[in-house]
Amino acid sequence: MELDLVEISPTANPPVCKITDYKKFLYEQKKKQKEIKAKSAKIVVKEIRLGPNTDEHDFNFKLKHAMKFLEEGAKVKVEVFFRGRSIVYKDQGEIKLLQFASLLEEHGKVEKMPLLEGKRMIMIIAPKK
């Protein structure tokens, strides 16, 4: 009959086998894996960069973008970049990030609090479900 004995569940007691075409069995397994992968949620991370001395208008402009990103379901990575000697203003950068988080409170929650990494202070905000 040109069929194969395929082991379906090797961990079961006794092991489960099926008489079928092996190539067709492999094809169906690949197809199932592809469907599972397609249905899995893809996490998108959008980045927003600020400076420690960012003006209020620019801050509000970037805040609106962050709101839009969170409503679309993307995570937002807010970054304060310190250039040259502006590293002295670490506290201003942290204040900007915390202010940003408090204004986005109704759209998302802070996943990672402000953390200084080299010349960058980073905070991640995830959307509320």
C-alpha atoms as a PDB file:
ATOM      1  CA  MET A   1       0.000   0.000   0.000  1.00  0.00           C
ATOM      2  CA  GLU A   2       3.122   2.206   0.143  1.00  0.00           C
ATOM      3  CA  LEU A   3       2.230   3.680   3.568  1.00  0.00           C
ATOM      4  CA  ASP A   4       4.487   4.226   6.580  1.00  0.00           C
ATOM      5  CA  LEU A   5       4.123   3.523  10.292  1.00  0.00           C
ATOM      6  CA  VAL A   6       4.465   6.971  11.928  1.00  0.00           C
ATOM      7  CA  GLU A   7       4.952   7.417  15.686  1.00  0.00           C
ATOM      8  CA  ILE A   8       2.499  10.153  16.748  1.00  0.00           C
ATOM      9  CA  SER A   9       3.010  10.308  20.526  1.00  0.00           C
ATOM     10  CA  PRO A  10       6.211   8.636  21.761  1.00  0.00           C
ATOM     11  CA  THR A  11       5.710   9.700  25.400  1.00  0.00           C
ATOM     12  CA  ALA A  12       2.315   8.006  25.796  1.00  0.00           C
ATOM     13  CA  ASN A  13       2.086   4.603  27.434  1.00  0.00           C
ATOM     14  CA  PRO A  14       1.894   2.609  25.129  1.00  0.00           C
ATOM     15  CA  PRO A  15       3.332   4.809  22.283  1.00  0.00           C
ATOM     16  CA  VAL A  16       0.739   5.877  19.695  1.00  0.00           C
ATOM     17  CA  CYS A  17       1.446   5.042  16.026  1.00  0.00           C
ATOM     18  CA  LYS A  18      -0.524   5.646  12.845  1.00  0.00           C
ATOM     19  CA  ILE A  19      -0.358   4.124   9.377  1.00  0.00           C
ATOM     20  CA  THR A  20      -0.077   7.056   6.950  1.00  0.00           C
ATOM     21  CA  ASP A  21       2.086   8.639   4.263  1.00  0.00           C
ATOM     22  CA  TYR A  22       5.175  10.047   6.058  1.00  0.00           C
ATOM     23  CA  LYS A  23       5.766  12.929   3.607  1.00  0.00           C
ATOM     24  CA  LYS A  24       2.151  14.056   3.979  1.00  0.00           C
ATOM     25  CA  PHE A  25       2.493  13.841   7.779  1.00  0.00           C
ATOM     26  CA  LEU A  26       5.617  16.086   7.711  1.00  0.00           C
ATOM     27  CA  TYR A  27       3.880  18.574   5.409  1.00  0.00           C
ATOM     28  CA  GLU A  28       0.887  18.859   7.760  1.00  0.00           C
ATOM     29  CA  GLN A  29       3.177  19.351  10.784  1.00  0.00           C
ATOM     30  CA  LYS A  30       5.030  22.204   9.029  1.00  0.00           C
ATOM     31  CA  LYS A  31       1.697  23.755   8.064  1.00  0.00           C
ATOM     32  CA  LYS A  32       0.487  23.666  11.704  1.00  0.00           C
ATOM     33  CA  GLN A  33       3.750  25.225  12.941  1.00  0.00           C
ATOM     34  CA  LYS A  34       3.434  28.006  10.367  1.00  0.00           C
ATOM     35  CA  GLU A  35      -0.139  28.772  11.496  1.00  0.00           C
ATOM     36  CA  ILE A  36       0.916  28.927  15.156  1.00  0.00           C
ATOM     37  CA  LYS A  37       3.770  31.285  14.295  1.00  0.00           C
ATOM     38  CA  ALA A  38       1.472  33.549  12.250  1.00  0.00           C
ATOM     39  CA  LYS A  39      -1.075  33.805  15.071  1.00  0.00           C
ATOM     40  CA  SER A  40       1.498  34.677  17.735  1.00  0.00           C
ATOM     41  CA  ALA A  41       1.576  38.328  18.783  1.00  0.00           C
ATOM     42  CA  LYS A  42       4.434  40.407  17.470  1.00  0.00           C
ATOM     43  CA  ILE A  43       5.687  43.022  19.911  1.00  0.00           C
ATOM     44  CA  VAL A  44       6.609  46.336  18.310  1.00  0.00           C
ATOM     45  CA  VAL A  45       8.846  48.789  20.184  1.00  0.00           C
ATOM     46  CA  LYS A  46       8.755  52.434  19.110  1.00  0.00           C
ATOM     47  CA  GLU A  47      11.506  54.795  20.264  1.00  0.00           C
ATOM     48  CA  ILE A  48      11.210  58.418  21.329  1.00  0.00           C
ATOM     49  CA  ARG A  49      14.295  60.505  22.085  1.00  0.00           C
ATOM     50  CA  LEU A  50      14.363  63.517  24.355  1.00  0.00           C
ATOM     51  CA  GLY A  51      17.107  65.745  25.672  1.00  0.00           C
ATOM     52  CA  PRO A  52      17.518  66.880  29.279  1.00  0.00           C
ATOM     53  CA  ASN A  53      16.576  70.425  28.180  1.00  0.00           C
ATOM     54  CA  THR A  54      13.718  69.555  25.800  1.00  0.00           C
ATOM     55  CA  ASP A  55      11.271  72.466  25.488  1.00  0.00           C
ATOM     56  CA  GLU A  56       7.625  72.066  26.519  1.00  0.00           C
ATOM     57  CA  HIS A  57       6.225  72.234  22.947  1.00  0.00           C
ATOM     58  CA  ASP A  58       8.594  69.490  21.727  1.00  0.00           C
ATOM     59  CA  PHE A  59       7.827  67.460  24.834  1.00  0.00           C
ATOM     60  CA  ASN A  60       4.053  67.672  24.181  1.00  0.00           C
ATOM     61  CA  PHE A  61       4.566  66.841  20.489  1.00  0.00           C
ATOM     62  CA  LYS A  62       6.469  63.667  21.386  1.00  0.00           C
ATOM     63  CA  LEU A  63       3.920  62.865  24.084  1.00  0.00           C
ATOM     64  CA  LYS A  64       1.136  62.825  21.456  1.00  0.00           C
ATOM     65  CA  HIS A  65       3.191  60.439  19.310  1.00  0.00           C
ATOM     66  CA  ALA A  66       3.706  58.161  22.312  1.00  0.00           C
ATOM     67  CA  MET A  67      -0.053  58.161  23.014  1.00  0.00           C
ATOM     68  CA  LYS A  68      -0.724  57.149  19.409  1.00  0.00           C
ATOM     69  CA  PHE A  69       1.860  54.345  19.578  1.00  0.00           C
ATOM     70  CA  LEU A  70       0.382  52.988  22.821  1.00  0.00           C
ATOM     71  CA  GLU A  71      -3.160  53.056  21.383  1.00  0.00           C
ATOM     72  CA  GLU A  72      -1.897  51.019  18.412  1.00  0.00           C
ATOM     73  CA  GLY A  73      -0.586  48.427  20.885  1.00  0.00           C
ATOM     74  CA  ALA A  74       3.150  49.096  20.557  1.00  0.00           C
ATOM     75  CA  LYS A  75       5.554  49.482  23.455  1.00  0.00           C
ATOM     76  CA  VAL A  76       7.289  52.856  23.759  1.00  0.00           C
ATOM     77  CA  LYS A  77      10.964  53.197  24.655  1.00  0.00           C
ATOM     78  CA  VAL A  78      11.593  56.744  25.888  1.00  0.00           C
ATOM     79  CA  GLU A  79      15.224  57.782  25.901  1.00  0.00           C
ATOM     80  CA  VAL A  80      16.949  60.894  27.236  1.00  0.00           C
ATOM     81  CA  PHE A  81      20.276  61.316  25.464  1.00  0.00           C
ATOM     82  CA  PHE A  82      23.015  63.280  27.187  1.00  0.00           C
ATOM     83  CA  ARG A  83      25.503  64.960  24.823  1.00  0.00           C
ATOM     84  CA  GLY A  84      28.899  66.142  25.979  1.00  0.00           C
ATOM     85  CA  ARG A  85      28.760  67.862  29.350  1.00  0.00           C
ATOM     86  CA  SER A  86      24.988  67.621  29.661  1.00  0.00           C
ATOM     87  CA  ILE A  87      25.544  64.385  31.641  1.00  0.00           C
ATOM     88  CA  VAL A  88      25.667  66.739  34.643  1.00  0.00           C
ATOM     89  CA  TYR A  89      21.862  67.114  34.328  1.00  0.00           C
ATOM     90  CA  LYS A  90      20.982  63.468  35.103  1.00  0.00           C
ATOM     91  CA  ASP A  91      18.311  64.573  37.572  1.00  0.00           C
ATOM     92  CA  GLN A  92      16.611  66.756  34.908  1.00  0.00           C
ATOM     93  CA  GLY A  93      16.553  63.772  32.539  1.00  0.00           C
ATOM     94  CA  GLU A  94      14.972  61.556  35.160  1.00  0.00           C
ATOM     95  CA  ILE A  95      12.385  64.243  35.958  1.00  0.00           C
ATOM     96  CA  LYS A  96      11.500  64.468  32.217  1.00  0.00           C
ATOM     97  CA  LEU A  97      11.026  60.695  32.004  1.00  0.00           C
ATOM     98  CA  LEU A  98       8.895  60.509  35.140  1.00  0.00           C
ATOM     99  CA  GLN A  99       6.789  63.438  33.915  1.00  0.00           C
ATOM    100  CA  PHE A 100       6.392  61.627  30.567  1.00  0.00           C
ATOM    101  CA  ALA A 101       5.266  58.466  32.396  1.00  0.00           C
ATOM    102  CA  SER A 102       2.783  60.307  34.610  1.00  0.00           C
ATOM    103  CA  LEU A 103       1.148  61.977  31.581  1.00  0.00           C
ATOM    104  CA  LEU A 104       0.849  58.597  29.811  1.00  0.00           C
ATOM    105  CA  GLU A 105      -0.580  56.842  32.878  1.00  0.00           C
ATOM    106  CA  GLU A 106      -4.056  56.368  31.382  1.00  0.00           C
ATOM    107  CA  HIS A 107      -2.668  54.934  28.102  1.00  0.00           C
ATOM    108  CA  GLY A 108       0.094  52.657  29.406  1.00  0.00           C
ATOM    109  CA  LYS A 109       2.019  51.447  32.405  1.00  0.00           C
ATOM    110  CA  VAL A 110       5.745  51.753  33.106  1.00  0.00           C
ATOM    111  CA  GLU A 111       7.427  48.432  32.441  1.00  0.00           C
ATOM    112  CA  LYS A 112      10.972  49.560  33.202  1.00  0.00           C
ATOM    113  CA  MET A 113      11.753  52.573  35.394  1.00  0.00           C
ATOM    114  CA  PRO A 114      14.352  55.164  34.235  1.00  0.00           C
ATOM    115  CA  LEU A 115      17.811  53.633  34.177  1.00  0.00           C
ATOM    116  CA  LEU A 116      21.067  55.331  33.193  1.00  0.00           C
ATOM    117  CA  GLU A 117      23.101  53.300  30.685  1.00  0.00           C
ATOM    118  CA  GLY A 118      26.206  55.185  29.591  1.00  0.00           C
ATOM    119  CA  LYS A 119      25.038  58.505  28.116  1.00  0.00           C
ATOM    120  CA  ARG A 120      21.402  57.411  27.841  1.00  0.00           C
ATOM    121  CA  MET A 121      18.605  57.181  30.364  1.00  0.00           C
ATOM    122  CA  ILE A 122      15.985  54.680  29.220  1.00  0.00           C
ATOM    123  CA  MET A 123      12.412  53.932  30.301  1.00  0.00           C
ATOM    124  CA  ILE A 124       9.962  51.471  28.686  1.00  0.00           C
ATOM    125  CA  ILE A 125       6.177  51.943  28.716  1.00  0.00           C
ATOM    126  CA  ALA A 126       3.814  49.092  27.777  1.00  0.00           C
ATOM    127  CA  PRO A 127       0.231  49.657  26.579  1.00  0.00           C
ATOM    128  CA  LYS A 128      -2.694  48.923  28.896  1.00  0.00           C
ATOM    129  CA  LYS A 129      -4.910  46.102  27.722  1.00  0.00           C
END
